[in-house]
């Protein structure tokens, strides 16, 4: 239940943050067509993303029994596709919001219309993905992927599965 709630809320919390940053940047002049937003805005998004990634890892670890193990490589893979700029879907959404902010800051009616339409479309696409069961997993993987990392098999089973020798008669179930 917690996974489902976070899978729904996390994308919209991210969109709220990036929409606020881009709208503020378009209003206060820190957003330019040549450079996008100031680096501080990117640092804020990266910091929030990494902090949320850490919170997910802590939640996953505390919600599972102590004997359950998770592979380091699985966490690293999720981290890459969650917070690394130009690879992670949340940063792609951020770039879309920056485009909308650039259009909003143009000062022309058509530019403002394009900016508003872009932000609305960004929110609607995320809402549709959250609503459609066939797309929900893709959205969850982009924003709360740590919560869906599969556990490694218990040590004894892992060793038995990777053994090149066939199991002896006493190792087989009755």
Protein backbone atom coordinates (compact mmCIF):
# COMPACT_ATOMS: atom_id res chain seq x y z
CA UNK A 1 0.00 0.00 0.00
CA UNK A 2 2.85 2.40 0.83
CA UNK A 3 4.56 1.62 -2.47
CA UNK A 4 1.38 2.40 -4.38
CA UNK A 5 0.83 5.69 -2.53
CA UNK A 6 4.44 6.80 -3.04
CA UNK A 7 4.35 5.68 -6.67
CA UNK A 8 1.42 8.04 -7.15
CA UNK A 9 2.64 10.97 -5.02
CA UNK A 10 6.36 11.11 -5.90
CA UNK A 11 5.98 12.13 -9.57
CA UNK A 12 3.59 14.91 -8.65
CA UNK A 13 5.79 16.16 -5.82
CA UNK A 14 8.66 16.27 -8.31
CA UNK A 15 6.50 18.12 -10.85
CA UNK A 16 5.46 20.59 -8.17
CA UNK A 17 9.09 21.35 -7.34
CA UNK A 18 10.24 21.71 -10.96
CA UNK A 19 7.17 23.74 -11.93
CA UNK A 20 7.79 26.11 -9.01
CA UNK A 21 11.46 26.48 -9.94
CA UNK A 22 10.79 27.18 -13.60
CA UNK A 23 7.87 29.54 -13.04
CA UNK A 24 9.87 31.43 -10.41
CA UNK A 25 12.88 31.53 -12.72
CA UNK A 26 10.78 32.90 -15.57
CA UNK A 27 9.38 35.61 -13.31
CA UNK A 28 12.57 36.70 -11.55
CA UNK A 29 14.89 36.57 -14.55
CA UNK A 30 17.06 33.62 -13.53
CA UNK A 31 15.88 31.63 -16.55
CA UNK A 32 17.38 32.35 -19.96
CA UNK A 33 16.86 30.84 -23.39
CA UNK A 34 20.63 30.44 -23.80
CA UNK A 35 21.46 28.75 -20.47
CA UNK A 36 18.20 27.58 -18.90
CA UNK A 37 17.99 28.00 -15.16
CA UNK A 38 20.82 28.93 -12.84
CA UNK A 39 22.89 26.00 -11.60
CA UNK A 40 21.35 26.37 -8.13
CA UNK A 41 18.01 25.19 -9.50
CA UNK A 42 19.64 22.08 -10.95
CA UNK A 43 21.41 21.52 -7.63
CA UNK A 44 18.07 21.75 -5.80
CA UNK A 45 16.47 19.14 -8.07
CA UNK A 46 19.49 16.85 -7.79
CA UNK A 47 19.61 17.27 -4.00
CA UNK A 48 15.91 16.53 -3.59
CA UNK A 49 16.22 13.52 -5.87
CA UNK A 50 19.19 12.09 -3.99
CA UNK A 51 17.60 12.74 -0.59
CA UNK A 52 14.41 11.01 -1.74
CA UNK A 53 16.49 8.11 -3.06
CA UNK A 54 18.16 7.77 0.35
CA UNK A 55 14.79 7.91 2.13
CA UNK A 56 13.49 5.14 -0.12
CA UNK A 57 16.52 2.99 0.69
CA UNK A 58 16.04 3.57 4.43
CA UNK A 59 12.32 2.78 4.15
CA UNK A 60 13.00 -0.40 2.18
CA UNK A 61 15.66 -1.54 4.65
CA UNK A 62 13.51 -0.87 7.73
CA UNK A 63 10.38 -2.43 6.22
CA UNK A 64 12.03 -5.75 5.38
CA UNK A 65 13.30 -8.46 7.71
CA UNK A 66 16.97 -8.29 8.69
CA UNK A 67 17.88 -11.50 6.84
CA UNK A 68 16.68 -10.11 3.50
CA UNK A 69 19.55 -8.76 1.39
CA UNK A 70 19.63 -6.43 -1.59
CA UNK A 71 22.37 -6.22 -4.19
CA UNK A 72 24.46 -3.05 -4.35
CA UNK A 73 24.38 -3.12 -8.14
CA UNK A 74 20.57 -3.04 -8.09
CA UNK A 75 20.60 0.14 -6.00
CA UNK A 76 23.22 1.75 -8.23
CA UNK A 77 21.19 0.94 -11.34
CA UNK A 78 18.06 2.48 -9.85
CA UNK A 79 20.06 5.53 -8.75
CA UNK A 80 21.34 6.09 -12.29
CA UNK A 81 17.85 5.99 -13.77
CA UNK A 82 16.42 8.17 -10.99
CA UNK A 83 18.84 11.05 -10.44
CA UNK A 84 21.55 11.20 -13.12
CA UNK A 85 20.98 14.17 -15.43
CA UNK A 86 20.30 13.35 -19.10
CA UNK A 87 19.62 9.69 -18.21
CA UNK A 88 16.88 9.86 -15.58
CA UNK A 89 13.25 10.42 -16.50
CA UNK A 90 12.75 12.94 -13.65
CA UNK A 91 15.46 15.13 -15.19
CA UNK A 92 13.78 14.78 -18.56
CA UNK A 93 10.61 16.13 -16.96
CA UNK A 94 12.69 18.93 -15.49
CA UNK A 95 14.03 19.83 -18.94
CA UNK A 96 10.45 19.87 -20.25
CA UNK A 97 9.50 22.25 -17.44
CA UNK A 98 12.51 24.47 -18.23
CA UNK A 99 11.33 24.66 -21.85
CA UNK A 100 7.91 25.76 -20.58
CA UNK A 101 9.59 28.35 -18.34
CA UNK A 102 11.61 29.74 -21.26
CA UNK A 103 8.40 30.11 -23.24
CA UNK A 104 6.69 31.77 -20.26
CA UNK A 105 9.53 34.27 -19.90
CA UNK A 106 9.38 35.26 -23.58
CA UNK A 107 6.86 38.00 -22.78
CA UNK A 108 4.82 37.37 -25.92
CA UNK A 109 1.27 36.06 -25.87
CA UNK A 110 2.14 33.09 -28.06
CA UNK A 111 5.17 32.27 -25.90
CA UNK A 112 3.12 32.40 -22.71
CA UNK A 113 0.46 30.20 -24.33
CA UNK A 114 3.12 27.67 -25.37
CA UNK A 115 4.62 27.71 -21.85
CA UNK A 116 1.28 27.18 -20.14
CA UNK A 117 0.32 24.46 -22.64
CA UNK A 118 3.68 22.72 -22.11
CA UNK A 119 3.33 22.67 -18.33
CA UNK A 120 -0.28 21.49 -18.53
CA UNK A 121 0.72 18.75 -20.96
CA UNK A 122 3.59 17.68 -18.70
CA UNK A 123 1.19 17.33 -15.76
CA UNK A 124 -1.45 15.57 -17.87
CA UNK A 125 1.01 13.02 -19.25
CA UNK A 126 2.13 12.17 -15.72
CA UNK A 127 -1.49 11.97 -14.54
CA UNK A 128 -2.35 9.65 -17.42
CA UNK A 129 0.64 7.43 -16.65
CA UNK A 130 -0.37 7.30 -12.97
CA UNK A 131 -3.93 6.38 -13.97
CA UNK A 132 -3.20 3.79 -16.67
CA UNK A 133 -2.27 0.42 -15.09
CA UNK A 134 -0.06 -0.52 -18.05
CA UNK A 135 2.07 2.63 -17.61
CA UNK A 136 2.03 2.92 -13.82
CA UNK A 137 5.02 0.59 -13.35
CA UNK A 138 7.14 2.66 -15.74
CA UNK A 139 6.30 5.82 -13.82
CA UNK A 140 7.02 4.12 -10.49
CA UNK A 141 10.37 2.83 -11.76
CA UNK A 142 11.38 6.39 -12.63
CA UNK A 143 10.50 7.96 -9.30
CA UNK A 144 10.41 5.27 -6.59
CA UNK A 145 12.43 2.47 -8.15
CA UNK A 146 14.31 1.70 -4.93
CA UNK A 147 11.10 0.46 -3.35
CA UNK A 148 10.82 -2.17 -6.09
CA UNK A 149 14.35 -3.59 -5.91
CA UNK A 150 14.02 -7.38 -5.69
CA UNK A 151 15.56 -9.11 -2.72
CA UNK A 152 18.43 -11.52 -3.30
CA UNK A 153 17.73 -15.18 -2.55
CA UNK A 154 18.82 -16.39 0.92
CA UNK A 155 22.48 -17.31 1.08
CA UNK A 156 21.95 -21.08 1.24
CA UNK A 157 19.57 -21.09 -1.73
CA UNK A 158 21.86 -18.75 -3.69
CA UNK A 159 24.83 -21.08 -3.16
CA UNK A 160 22.76 -24.12 -4.09
CA UNK A 161 21.47 -22.46 -7.26
CA UNK A 162 24.96 -21.38 -8.34
CA UNK A 163 26.66 -24.65 -7.52
CA UNK A 164 28.03 -26.60 -10.49
CA UNK A 165 27.65 -29.90 -8.61
CA UNK A 166 24.22 -31.53 -8.54
CA UNK A 167 22.61 -31.55 -5.09
CA UNK A 168 23.09 -34.71 -3.05
CA UNK A 169 20.12 -36.81 -1.96
CA UNK A 170 20.02 -35.28 1.51
CA UNK A 171 19.80 -31.73 0.01
CA UNK A 172 16.74 -32.52 -2.12
CA UNK A 173 13.27 -32.01 -0.65
CA UNK A 174 11.28 -35.14 0.22
